[in-house]
Amino acid sequence: MLSNRLSKGRNLNATEEKVALSLEFFTMTEGKQFPVVLVTGARQVGKTNFLLHLRKENRTYVTLDDPLLQTMAKEEPALFLQRFKPPVVIDEIQYAPQLLPYIKMESDKQKKSNLFWLTGSQHFHMMQEISKSLSGRVSIINLYGLSLLETKGLGKNVYRVDKSAHT
């Protein structure tokens, strides 16, 4: 359960548990509607752990933190996507924006939802590139860390949806 991964050994309060379950449901719902789901947020907010928790056994995980994989993704994006076929989680997409046109082509070719789950930081240039390259194909979920109020059960706004990415 997500709560076990995000709590780091402590029990979540009722609000945190509700938020975790709501975010899981929301992300899975978005995945059913779009071929690409991008989870963005600040460093160490839990983007990767969140998607790894949600993935099924048939979804491959690959991180572009690995220098060899990053080089392949940048220099041979078509070969990279042949090697790591959907469904796939691609972590740290900002390191290889060259993949985006190929993700678009593969999404258009397969005409299925839930093919690519991406994580990335909120670099302005990357967000512009994704919005342009994957317009109408991507749901962007901005993941925020829990505030002090939220950890005490007093917060209400934990995630927001970038509606502009849905057009």
Protein backbone atom coordinates (compact mmCIF):
# COMPACT_ATOMS: atom_id res chain seq x y z
CA MET A 1 0.00 0.00 0.00
CA LEU A 2 1.22 3.52 -0.78
CA SER A 3 0.86 4.55 2.83
CA ASN A 4 3.53 2.04 3.84
CA ARG A 5 6.02 3.43 1.33
CA LEU A 6 5.40 7.11 1.95
CA SER A 7 5.18 6.96 5.72
CA LYS A 8 8.80 5.80 6.19
CA GLY A 9 7.98 3.63 9.17
CA ARG A 10 5.31 5.74 10.84
CA ASN A 11 1.56 5.31 10.67
CA LEU A 12 -0.30 7.76 8.48
CA ASN A 13 -3.14 9.69 10.00
CA ALA A 14 -6.62 9.42 8.46
CA THR A 15 -6.13 12.47 6.23
CA GLU A 16 -2.80 11.22 4.87
CA GLU A 17 -4.30 7.79 4.19
CA LYS A 18 -7.26 9.39 2.37
CA VAL A 19 -4.89 11.56 0.31
CA ALA A 20 -2.74 8.56 -0.63
CA LEU A 21 -5.75 6.53 -1.73
CA SER A 22 -7.27 9.49 -3.59
CA LEU A 23 -4.03 10.12 -5.45
CA GLU A 24 -3.74 6.44 -6.38
CA PHE A 25 -7.30 6.41 -7.71
CA PHE A 26 -6.83 9.69 -9.59
CA THR A 27 -3.58 8.54 -11.23
CA MET A 28 -5.05 5.21 -12.30
CA THR A 29 -8.11 7.00 -13.71
CA GLU A 30 -5.91 9.38 -15.70
CA GLY A 31 -3.90 6.42 -16.99
CA LYS A 32 -7.09 4.93 -18.42
CA GLN A 33 -7.76 8.12 -20.38
CA PHE A 34 -4.31 9.02 -21.72
CA PRO A 35 -1.43 7.07 -23.24
CA VAL A 36 1.07 9.10 -21.19
CA VAL A 37 0.99 10.08 -17.51
CA LEU A 38 3.68 12.46 -16.28
CA VAL A 39 4.21 12.91 -12.54
CA THR A 40 6.20 16.05 -11.80
CA GLY A 41 7.32 17.63 -8.57
CA ALA A 42 10.26 18.81 -6.56
CA ARG A 43 13.20 16.55 -5.80
CA GLN A 44 12.60 13.87 -3.19
CA VAL A 45 8.81 14.37 -3.11
CA GLY A 46 8.16 10.69 -3.91
CA LYS A 47 7.39 10.67 -7.65
CA THR A 48 9.32 7.50 -8.40
CA ASN A 49 8.20 5.62 -5.29
CA PHE A 50 4.61 6.54 -6.04
CA LEU A 51 4.67 5.16 -9.60
CA LEU A 52 6.67 2.09 -8.59
CA HIS A 53 4.02 1.36 -5.98
CA LEU A 54 1.26 1.57 -8.62
CA ARG A 55 2.96 -0.42 -11.37
CA LYS A 56 2.06 -3.98 -12.19
CA GLU A 57 4.62 -6.69 -12.88
CA ASN A 58 4.41 -6.25 -16.66
CA ARG A 59 5.43 -2.55 -16.52
CA THR A 60 9.18 -2.13 -16.95
CA TYR A 61 11.02 0.49 -14.90
CA VAL A 62 13.96 2.38 -16.38
CA THR A 63 15.79 5.37 -14.94
CA LEU A 64 17.61 7.98 -16.98
CA ASP A 65 19.86 8.57 -13.96
CA ASP A 66 21.85 5.66 -15.39
CA PRO A 67 24.45 7.28 -17.69
CA LEU A 68 24.39 4.44 -20.23
CA LEU A 69 20.60 4.45 -20.52
CA GLN A 70 20.56 8.24 -20.67
CA THR A 71 23.05 8.20 -23.55
CA MET A 72 21.00 5.60 -25.41
CA ALA A 73 17.82 7.61 -24.88
CA LYS A 74 19.46 10.79 -26.19
CA GLU A 75 21.42 9.35 -29.10
CA GLU A 76 19.18 6.45 -30.18
CA PRO A 77 15.64 7.20 -28.93
CA ALA A 78 14.02 4.74 -31.35
CA LEU A 79 16.35 1.96 -30.21
CA PHE A 80 15.68 2.90 -26.57
CA LEU A 81 11.92 2.46 -27.04
CA GLN A 82 12.47 -0.83 -28.88
CA ARG A 83 14.48 -2.04 -25.89
CA PHE A 84 12.00 -0.71 -23.29
CA LYS A 85 8.57 -1.32 -24.80
CA PRO A 86 5.38 -0.08 -23.19
CA PRO A 87 4.02 -0.39 -20.65
CA VAL A 88 7.01 1.34 -19.10
CA VAL A 89 7.96 3.79 -16.34
CA ILE A 90 10.65 6.20 -17.54
CA ASP A 91 12.15 8.01 -14.57
CA GLU A 92 13.77 11.46 -14.98
CA ILE A 93 12.49 12.19 -18.51
CA GLN A 94 14.01 15.68 -18.37
CA TYR A 95 17.41 14.09 -19.05
CA ALA A 96 16.34 12.89 -22.51
CA PRO A 97 13.71 15.13 -24.15
CA GLN A 98 14.74 13.48 -27.43
CA LEU A 99 12.44 10.61 -26.42
CA LEU A 100 9.30 12.76 -26.57
CA PRO A 101 8.64 12.62 -30.35
CA TYR A 102 9.15 8.85 -30.24
CA ILE A 103 6.78 8.49 -27.29
CA LYS A 104 4.25 10.51 -29.32
CA MET A 105 4.69 8.26 -32.37
CA GLU A 106 4.38 5.09 -30.30
CA SER A 107 1.28 6.43 -28.53
CA ASP A 108 -0.31 7.27 -31.88
CA LYS A 109 0.66 3.91 -33.35
CA GLN A 110 -0.70 1.80 -30.47
CA LYS A 111 -3.82 3.92 -29.82
CA LYS A 112 -4.00 2.62 -26.24
CA SER A 113 -4.08 4.28 -22.87
CA ASN A 114 -1.63 3.82 -20.03
CA LEU A 115 1.46 3.11 -22.16
CA PHE A 116 4.04 5.46 -20.66
CA TRP A 117 4.43 6.67 -17.08
CA LEU A 118 7.04 9.40 -16.84
CA THR A 119 8.58 11.26 -13.93
CA GLY A 120 10.38 14.55 -14.14
CA SER A 121 11.22 17.69 -12.32
CA GLN A 122 9.33 20.87 -13.07
CA HIS A 123 11.90 22.53 -15.31
CA PHE A 124 10.11 25.19 -17.35
CA HIS A 125 11.75 24.14 -20.62
CA MET A 126 10.86 20.48 -20.11
CA MET A 127 7.24 21.30 -19.30
CA GLN A 128 6.97 23.43 -22.46
CA GLU A 129 8.48 20.62 -24.53
CA ILE A 130 6.15 17.98 -23.09
CA SER A 131 3.06 20.15 -23.48
CA LYS A 132 4.02 20.82 -27.11
CA SER A 133 5.21 17.31 -28.05
CA LEU A 134 2.52 15.30 -26.28
CA SER A 135 -0.44 17.65 -26.50
CA GLY A 136 -3.68 15.74 -26.04
CA ARG A 137 -1.79 12.56 -25.13
CA VAL A 138 -0.51 13.36 -21.65
CA SER A 139 -1.97 13.89 -18.21
CA ILE A 140 0.36 15.96 -16.03
CA ILE A 141 0.09 15.35 -12.31
CA ASN A 142 1.96 17.76 -10.06
CA LEU A 143 2.96 15.95 -6.88
CA TYR A 144 3.55 18.13 -3.85
CA GLY A 145 5.01 17.12 -0.53
CA LEU A 146 2.71 17.07 2.44
CA SER A 147 2.70 20.34 4.34
CA LEU A 148 2.89 20.49 8.11
CA LEU A 149 -0.87 21.14 8.21
CA GLU A 150 -1.55 18.13 6.00
CA THR A 151 0.54 15.84 8.18
CA LYS A 152 -1.63 16.94 11.11
CA GLY A 153 -4.81 16.17 9.19
CA LEU A 154 -5.73 19.79 8.48
CA GLY A 155 -4.77 20.13 4.80
CA LYS A 156 -7.07 19.84 1.81
CA ASN A 157 -5.08 20.62 -1.38
CA VAL A 158 -2.41 17.99 -1.92
CA TYR A 159 -2.37 17.67 -5.69
CA ARG A 160 -3.55 19.74 -8.58
CA VAL A 161 -4.16 18.83 -12.20
CA ASP A 162 -2.69 20.85 -15.05
CA LYS A 163 -5.86 21.08 -17.16
CA SER A 164 -4.00 22.81 -20.00
CA ALA A 165 -2.15 19.59 -20.75
CA HIS A 166 -5.46 17.86 -21.48
CA THR A 167 -6.24 20.01 -24.51
